[in-house]
Amino acid sequence: AAERFDGVRPVHLRVPAQAIDQALGDLD
């Protein structure tokens, strides 16, 4: 469904913890 509607096939459906932490670290 993601590939069909969002144009991308996610590697991870559940977002890895390190991606959440990195997003906060990179936040303006």
PDB file of all heavy atoms in Angstrom:
ATOM      1  N   ALA A   1       0.834  -1.208   0.000  1.00  0.00           N
ATOM      2  CA  ALA A   1       0.000   0.000   0.000  1.00  0.00           C
ATOM      3  C   ALA A   1       0.868   1.258   0.000  1.00  0.00           C
ATOM      4  O   ALA A   1       0.554   2.247  -0.678  1.00  0.00           O
ATOM      5  CB  ALA A   1      -0.937  -0.005   1.208  1.00  0.00           C
ATOM      6  N   ALA A   2       1.961   1.248   0.755  1.00  0.00           N
ATOM      7  CA  ALA A   2       2.859   2.405   0.776  1.00  0.00           C
ATOM      8  C   ALA A   2       3.456   2.647  -0.606  1.00  0.00           C
ATOM      9  O   ALA A   2       3.550   3.797  -1.063  1.00  0.00           O
ATOM     10  CB  ALA A   2       3.959   2.187   1.812  1.00  0.00           C
ATOM     11  N   GLU A   3       3.851   1.578  -1.259  1.00  0.00           N
ATOM     12  CA  GLU A   3       4.427   1.717  -2.605  1.00  0.00           C
ATOM     13  C   GLU A   3       3.391   2.287  -3.575  1.00  0.00           C
ATOM     14  O   GLU A   3       3.705   3.126  -4.425  1.00  0.00           O
ATOM     15  CB  GLU A   3       4.920   0.352  -3.084  1.00  0.00           C
ATOM     16  CG  GLU A   3       5.753   0.405  -4.345  1.00  0.00           C
ATOM     17  CD  GLU A   3       6.469  -0.908  -4.626  1.00  0.00           C
ATOM     18  OE1 GLU A   3       6.012  -1.965  -4.131  1.00  0.00           O
ATOM     19  OE2 GLU A   3       7.474  -0.889  -5.360  1.00  0.00           O
ATOM     20  N   ARG A   4       2.154   1.862  -3.418  1.00  0.00           N
ATOM     21  CA  ARG A   4       1.086   2.301  -4.318  1.00  0.00           C
ATOM     22  C   ARG A   4       0.660   3.738  -4.056  1.00  0.00           C
ATOM     23  O   ARG A   4       0.500   4.535  -4.987  1.00  0.00           O
ATOM     24  CB  ARG A   4      -0.111   1.360  -4.163  1.00  0.00           C
ATOM     25  CG  ARG A   4      -1.338   1.742  -4.980  1.00  0.00           C
ATOM     26  CD  ARG A   4      -2.471   0.769  -4.694  1.00  0.00           C
ATOM     27  NE  ARG A   4      -3.712   1.190  -5.327  1.00  0.00           N
ATOM     28  CZ  ARG A   4      -4.895   0.625  -5.094  1.00  0.00           C
ATOM     29  NH1 ARG A   4      -4.984  -0.396  -4.232  1.00  0.00           N
ATOM     30  NH2 ARG A   4      -5.972   1.062  -5.713  1.00  0.00           N
ATOM     31  N   PHE A   5       0.473   4.089  -2.791  1.00  0.00           N
ATOM     32  CA  PHE A   5      -0.117   5.391  -2.460  1.00  0.00           C
ATOM     33  C   PHE A   5       0.901   6.460  -2.074  1.00  0.00           C
ATOM     34  O   PHE A   5       0.646   7.647  -2.247  1.00  0.00           O
ATOM     35  CB  PHE A   5      -1.131   5.238  -1.322  1.00  0.00           C
ATOM     36  CG  PHE A   5      -2.291   4.345  -1.667  1.00  0.00           C
ATOM     37  CD1 PHE A   5      -2.453   3.118  -1.040  1.00  0.00           C
ATOM     38  CD2 PHE A   5      -3.221   4.729  -2.621  1.00  0.00           C
ATOM     39  CE1 PHE A   5      -3.516   2.283  -1.359  1.00  0.00           C
ATOM     40  CE2 PHE A   5      -4.287   3.909  -2.946  1.00  0.00           C
ATOM     41  CZ  PHE A   5      -4.437   2.682  -2.321  1.00  0.00           C
ATOM     42  N   ASP A   6       2.050   6.037  -1.519  1.00  0.00           N
ATOM     43  CA  ASP A   6       3.034   7.013  -1.043  1.00  0.00           C
ATOM     44  C   ASP A   6       4.281   7.079  -1.913  1.00  0.00           C
ATOM     45  O   ASP A   6       5.157   7.906  -1.672  1.00  0.00           O
ATOM     46  CB  ASP A   6       3.435   6.688   0.405  1.00  0.00           C
ATOM     47  CG  ASP A   6       2.243   6.691   1.347  1.00  0.00           C
ATOM     48  OD1 ASP A   6       1.526   7.707   1.374  1.00  0.00           O
ATOM     49  OD2 ASP A   6       2.024   5.680   2.047  1.00  0.00           O
ATOM     50  N   GLY A   7       4.385   6.163  -2.889  1.00  0.00           N
ATOM     51  CA  GLY A   7       5.517   6.195  -3.801  1.00  0.00           C
ATOM     52  C   GLY A   7       6.824   5.741  -3.201  1.00  0.00           C
ATOM     53  O   GLY A   7       7.896   6.079  -3.706  1.00  0.00           O
ATOM     54  N   VAL A   8       6.758   4.972  -2.122  1.00  0.00           N
ATOM     55  CA  VAL A   8       7.971   4.471  -1.494  1.00  0.00           C
ATOM     56  C   VAL A   8       7.642   3.165  -0.769  1.00  0.00           C
ATOM     57  O   VAL A   8       6.533   2.995  -0.247  1.00  0.00           O
ATOM     58  CB  VAL A   8       8.553   5.508  -0.497  1.00  0.00           C
ATOM     59  CG1 VAL A   8       7.583   5.785   0.651  1.00  0.00           C
ATOM     60  CG2 VAL A   8       9.904   5.070   0.042  1.00  0.00           C
ATOM     61  N   ARG A   9       8.589   2.242  -0.770  1.00  0.00           N
ATOM     62  CA  ARG A   9       8.417   0.976  -0.057  1.00  0.00           C
ATOM     63  C   ARG A   9       9.317   1.007   1.180  1.00  0.00           C
ATOM     64  O   ARG A   9      10.536   0.828   1.072  1.00  0.00           O
ATOM     65  CB  ARG A   9       8.776  -0.202  -0.963  1.00  0.00           C
ATOM     66  CG  ARG A   9       8.329  -1.558  -0.435  1.00  0.00           C
ATOM     67  CD  ARG A   9       8.544  -2.659  -1.461  1.00  0.00           C
ATOM     68  NE  ARG A   9       8.032  -3.922  -0.947  1.00  0.00           N
ATOM     69  CZ  ARG A   9       6.773  -4.338  -1.095  1.00  0.00           C
ATOM     70  NH1 ARG A   9       5.901  -3.567  -1.738  1.00  0.00           N
ATOM     71  NH2 ARG A   9       6.389  -5.493  -0.601  1.00  0.00           N
ATOM     72  N   PRO A  10       8.742   1.241   2.352  1.00  0.00           N
ATOM     73  CA  PRO A  10       9.568   1.427   3.548  1.00  0.00           C
ATOM     74  C   PRO A  10      10.397   0.190   3.892  1.00  0.00           C
ATOM     75  O   PRO A  10       9.895  -0.937   3.824  1.00  0.00           O
ATOM     76  CB  PRO A  10       8.541   1.701   4.653  1.00  0.00           C
ATOM     77  CG  PRO A  10       7.297   2.103   3.942  1.00  0.00           C
ATOM     78  CD  PRO A  10       7.308   1.365   2.648  1.00  0.00           C
ATOM     79  N   VAL A  11      11.635   0.416   4.241  1.00  0.00           N
ATOM     80  CA  VAL A  11      12.462  -0.678   4.761  1.00  0.00           C
ATOM     81  C   VAL A  11      11.973  -1.065   6.146  1.00  0.00           C
ATOM     82  O   VAL A  11      11.825  -2.237   6.470  1.00  0.00           O
ATOM     83  CB  VAL A  11      13.947  -0.260   4.801  1.00  0.00           C
ATOM     84  CG1 VAL A  11      14.785  -1.349   5.465  1.00  0.00           C
ATOM     85  CG2 VAL A  11      14.453   0.045   3.392  1.00  0.00           C
ATOM     86  N   HIS A  12      11.719  -0.063   6.959  1.00  0.00           N
ATOM     87  CA  HIS A  12      11.217  -0.275   8.314  1.00  0.00           C
ATOM     88  C   HIS A  12       9.799   0.289   8.420  1.00  0.00           C
ATOM     89  O   HIS A  12       9.598   1.476   8.194  1.00  0.00           O
ATOM     90  CB  HIS A  12      12.105   0.425   9.348  1.00  0.00           C
ATOM     91  CG  HIS A  12      13.507  -0.101   9.398  1.00  0.00           C
ATOM     92  ND1 HIS A  12      13.836  -1.288  10.007  1.00  0.00           N
ATOM     93  CD2 HIS A  12      14.660   0.405   8.903  1.00  0.00           C
ATOM     94  CE1 HIS A  12      15.147  -1.491   9.900  1.00  0.00           C
ATOM     95  NE2 HIS A  12      15.666  -0.478   9.232  1.00  0.00           N
ATOM     96  N   LEU A  13       8.850  -0.557   8.790  1.00  0.00           N
ATOM     97  CA  LEU A  13       7.504  -0.072   9.064  1.00  0.00           C
ATOM     98  C   LEU A  13       7.436   0.562  10.441  1.00  0.00           C
ATOM     99  O   LEU A  13       6.833   1.611  10.628  1.00  0.00           O
ATOM    100  CB  LEU A  13       6.497  -1.212   8.934  1.00  0.00           C
ATOM    101  CG  LEU A  13       6.282  -1.718   7.508  1.00  0.00           C
ATOM    102  CD1 LEU A  13       5.448  -2.992   7.513  1.00  0.00           C
ATOM    103  CD2 LEU A  13       5.602  -0.656   6.648  1.00  0.00           C
ATOM    104  N   ARG A  14       8.061  -0.085  11.425  1.00  0.00           N
ATOM    105  CA  ARG A  14       8.216   0.567  12.722  1.00  0.00           C
ATOM    106  C   ARG A  14       9.501   1.370  12.682  1.00  0.00           C
ATOM    107  O   ARG A  14      10.575   0.842  12.374  1.00  0.00           O
ATOM    108  CB  ARG A  14       8.241  -0.437  13.865  1.00  0.00           C
ATOM    109  CG  ARG A  14       8.440   0.251  15.216  1.00  0.00           C
ATOM    110  CD  ARG A  14       8.064  -0.601  16.387  1.00  0.00           C
ATOM    111  NE  ARG A  14       8.361   0.079  17.641  1.00  0.00           N
ATOM    112  CZ  ARG A  14       8.018  -0.368  18.848  1.00  0.00           C
ATOM    113  NH1 ARG A  14       7.342  -1.501  18.964  1.00  0.00           N
ATOM    114  NH2 ARG A  14       8.330   0.314  19.930  1.00  0.00           N
ATOM    115  N   VAL A  15       9.391   2.643  12.989  1.00  0.00           N
ATOM    116  CA  VAL A  15      10.539   3.543  12.886  1.00  0.00           C
ATOM    117  C   VAL A  15      11.575   3.167  13.934  1.00  0.00           C
ATOM    118  O   VAL A  15      11.264   3.087  15.134  1.00  0.00           O
ATOM    119  CB  VAL A  15      10.099   5.009  13.062  1.00  0.00           C
ATOM    120  CG1 VAL A  15      11.306   5.947  12.997  1.00  0.00           C
ATOM    121  CG2 VAL A  15       9.063   5.391  11.999  1.00  0.00           C
ATOM    122  N   PRO A  16      12.832   2.919  13.529  1.00  0.00           N
ATOM    123  CA  PRO A  16      13.878   2.583  14.503  1.00  0.00           C
ATOM    124  C   PRO A  16      14.106   3.714  15.501  1.00  0.00           C
ATOM    125  O   PRO A  16      13.982   4.899  15.168  1.00  0.00           O
ATOM    126  CB  PRO A  16      15.118   2.368  13.623  1.00  0.00           C
ATOM    127  CG  PRO A  16      14.585   2.072  12.254  1.00  0.00           C
ATOM    128  CD  PRO A  16      13.325   2.861  12.142  1.00  0.00           C
ATOM    129  N   ALA A  17      14.455   3.334  16.711  1.00  0.00           N
ATOM    130  CA  ALA A  17      14.661   4.315  17.777  1.00  0.00           C
ATOM    131  C   ALA A  17      15.732   5.334  17.408  1.00  0.00           C
ATOM    132  O   ALA A  17      15.615   6.524  17.721  1.00  0.00           O
ATOM    133  CB  ALA A  17      15.031   3.596  19.076  1.00  0.00           C
ATOM    134  N   GLN A  18      16.782   4.870  16.718  1.00  0.00           N
ATOM    135  CA  GLN A  18      17.862   5.799  16.377  1.00  0.00           C
ATOM    136  C   GLN A  18      17.410   6.866  15.386  1.00  0.00           C
ATOM    137  O   GLN A  18      17.912   8.004  15.402  1.00  0.00           O
ATOM    138  CB  GLN A  18      19.082   5.056  15.829  1.00  0.00           C
ATOM    139  CG  GLN A  18      18.832   4.227  14.582  1.00  0.00           C
ATOM    140  CD  GLN A  18      18.498   2.780  14.902  1.00  0.00           C
ATOM    141  OE1 GLN A  18      17.877   2.492  15.938  1.00  0.00           O
ATOM    142  NE2 GLN A  18      18.916   1.873  14.032  1.00  0.00           N
ATOM    143  N   ALA A  19      16.438   6.550  14.549  1.00  0.00           N
ATOM    144  CA  ALA A  19      15.918   7.554  13.607  1.00  0.00           C
ATOM    145  C   ALA A  19      15.139   8.635  14.350  1.00  0.00           C
ATOM    146  O   ALA A  19      15.203   9.816  13.989  1.00  0.00           O
ATOM    147  CB  ALA A  19      15.032   6.871  12.564  1.00  0.00           C
ATOM    148  N   ILE A  20      14.415   8.234  15.382  1.00  0.00           N
ATOM    149  CA  ILE A  20      13.678   9.215  16.193  1.00  0.00           C
ATOM    150  C   ILE A  20      14.653  10.110  16.943  1.00  0.00           C
ATOM    151  O   ILE A  20      14.489  11.341  16.980  1.00  0.00           O
ATOM    152  CB  ILE A  20      12.724   8.491  17.156  1.00  0.00           C
ATOM    153  CG1 ILE A  20      11.700   7.662  16.373  1.00  0.00           C
ATOM    154  CG2 ILE A  20      12.026   9.483  18.078  1.00  0.00           C
ATOM    155  CD1 ILE A  20      10.812   6.791  17.240  1.00  0.00           C
ATOM    156  N   ASP A  21      15.667   9.503  17.525  1.00  0.00           N
ATOM    157  CA  ASP A  21      16.672  10.285  18.260  1.00  0.00           C
ATOM    158  C   ASP A  21      17.414  11.243  17.334  1.00  0.00           C
ATOM    159  O   ASP A  21      17.668  12.404  17.696  1.00  0.00           O
ATOM    160  CB  ASP A  21      17.668   9.350  18.938  1.00  0.00           C
ATOM    161  CG  ASP A  21      17.035   8.519  20.044  1.00  0.00           C
ATOM    162  OD1 ASP A  21      15.970   8.918  20.547  1.00  0.00           O
ATOM    163  OD2 ASP A  21      17.606   7.467  20.389  1.00  0.00           O
ATOM    164  N   GLN A  22      17.763  10.765  16.142  1.00  0.00           N
ATOM    165  CA  GLN A  22      18.500  11.611  15.205  1.00  0.00           C
ATOM    166  C   GLN A  22      17.653  12.795  14.753  1.00  0.00           C
ATOM    167  O   GLN A  22      18.159  13.911  14.598  1.00  0.00           O
ATOM    168  CB  GLN A  22      18.954  10.805  13.993  1.00  0.00           C
ATOM    169  CG  GLN A  22      19.761  11.623  12.995  1.00  0.00           C
ATOM    170  CD  GLN A  22      20.275  10.799  11.828  1.00  0.00           C
ATOM    171  OE1 GLN A  22      20.301   9.569  11.888  1.00  0.00           O
ATOM    172  NE2 GLN A  22      20.697  11.461  10.756  1.00  0.00           N
ATOM    173  N   ALA A  23      16.369  12.552  14.545  1.00  0.00           N
ATOM    174  CA  ALA A  23      15.487  13.644  14.126  1.00  0.00           C
ATOM    175  C   ALA A  23      15.458  14.756  15.164  1.00  0.00           C
ATOM    176  O   ALA A  23      15.463  15.947  14.819  1.00  0.00           O
ATOM    177  CB  ALA A  23      14.074  13.107  13.886  1.00  0.00           C
ATOM    178  N   LEU A  24      15.453  14.393  16.436  1.00  0.00           N
ATOM    179  CA  LEU A  24      15.476  15.410  17.486  1.00  0.00           C
ATOM    180  C   LEU A  24      16.811  16.134  17.511  1.00  0.00           C
ATOM    181  O   LEU A  24      16.869  17.355  17.662  1.00  0.00           O
ATOM    182  CB  LEU A  24      15.196  14.771  18.844  1.00  0.00           C
ATOM    183  CG  LEU A  24      15.159  15.737  20.032  1.00  0.00           C
ATOM    184  CD1 LEU A  24      14.097  16.816  19.830  1.00  0.00           C
ATOM    185  CD2 LEU A  24      14.894  14.971  21.329  1.00  0.00           C
ATOM    186  N   GLY A  25      17.888  15.382  17.331  1.00  0.00           N
ATOM    187  CA  GLY A  25      19.205  16.001  17.319  1.00  0.00           C
ATOM    188  C   GLY A  25      19.389  16.984  16.179  1.00  0.00           C
ATOM    189  O   GLY A  25      20.107  17.983  16.313  1.00  0.00           O
ATOM    190  N   ASP A  26      18.738  16.719  15.055  1.00  0.00           N
ATOM    191  CA  ASP A  26      18.868  17.580  13.875  1.00  0.00           C
ATOM    192  C   ASP A  26      17.846  18.716  13.845  1.00  0.00           C
ATOM    193  O   ASP A  26      17.878  19.545  12.941  1.00  0.00           O
ATOM    194  CB  ASP A  26      18.702  16.746  12.598  1.00  0.00           C
ATOM    195  CG  ASP A  26      19.822  15.730  12.407  1.00  0.00           C
ATOM    196  OD1 ASP A  26      20.876  15.895  13.040  1.00  0.00           O
ATOM    197  OD2 ASP A  26      19.621  14.771  11.632  1.00  0.00           O
ATOM    198  N   LEU A  27      16.950  18.751  14.809  1.00  0.00           N
ATOM    199  CA  LEU A  27      15.862  19.728  14.784  1.00  0.00           C
ATOM    200  C   LEU A  27      16.382  21.152  15.002  1.00  0.00           C
ATOM    201  O   LEU A  27      17.228  21.387  15.872  1.00  0.00           O
ATOM    202  CB  LEU A  27      14.833  19.384  15.864  1.00  0.00           C
ATOM    203  CG  LEU A  27      13.547  20.216  15.894  1.00  0.00           C
ATOM    204  CD1 LEU A  27      12.730  20.008  14.625  1.00  0.00           C
ATOM    205  CD2 LEU A  27      12.712  19.870  17.131  1.00  0.00           C
ATOM    206  N   ASP A  28      15.854  22.079  14.227  1.00  0.00           N
ATOM    207  CA  ASP A  28      16.165  23.494  14.404  1.00  0.00           C
ATOM    208  C   ASP A  28      15.854  23.891  15.852  1.00  0.00           C
ATOM    209  O   ASP A  28      14.752  23.667  16.339  1.00  0.00           O
ATOM    210  CB  ASP A  28      15.295  24.302  13.431  1.00  0.00           C
ATOM    211  CG  ASP A  28      15.545  25.805  13.484  1.00  0.00           C
ATOM    212  OD1 ASP A  28      15.932  26.322  14.551  1.00  0.00           O
ATOM    213  OD2 ASP A  28      15.323  26.462  12.457  1.00  0.00           O
TER     214      ASP A  28
END
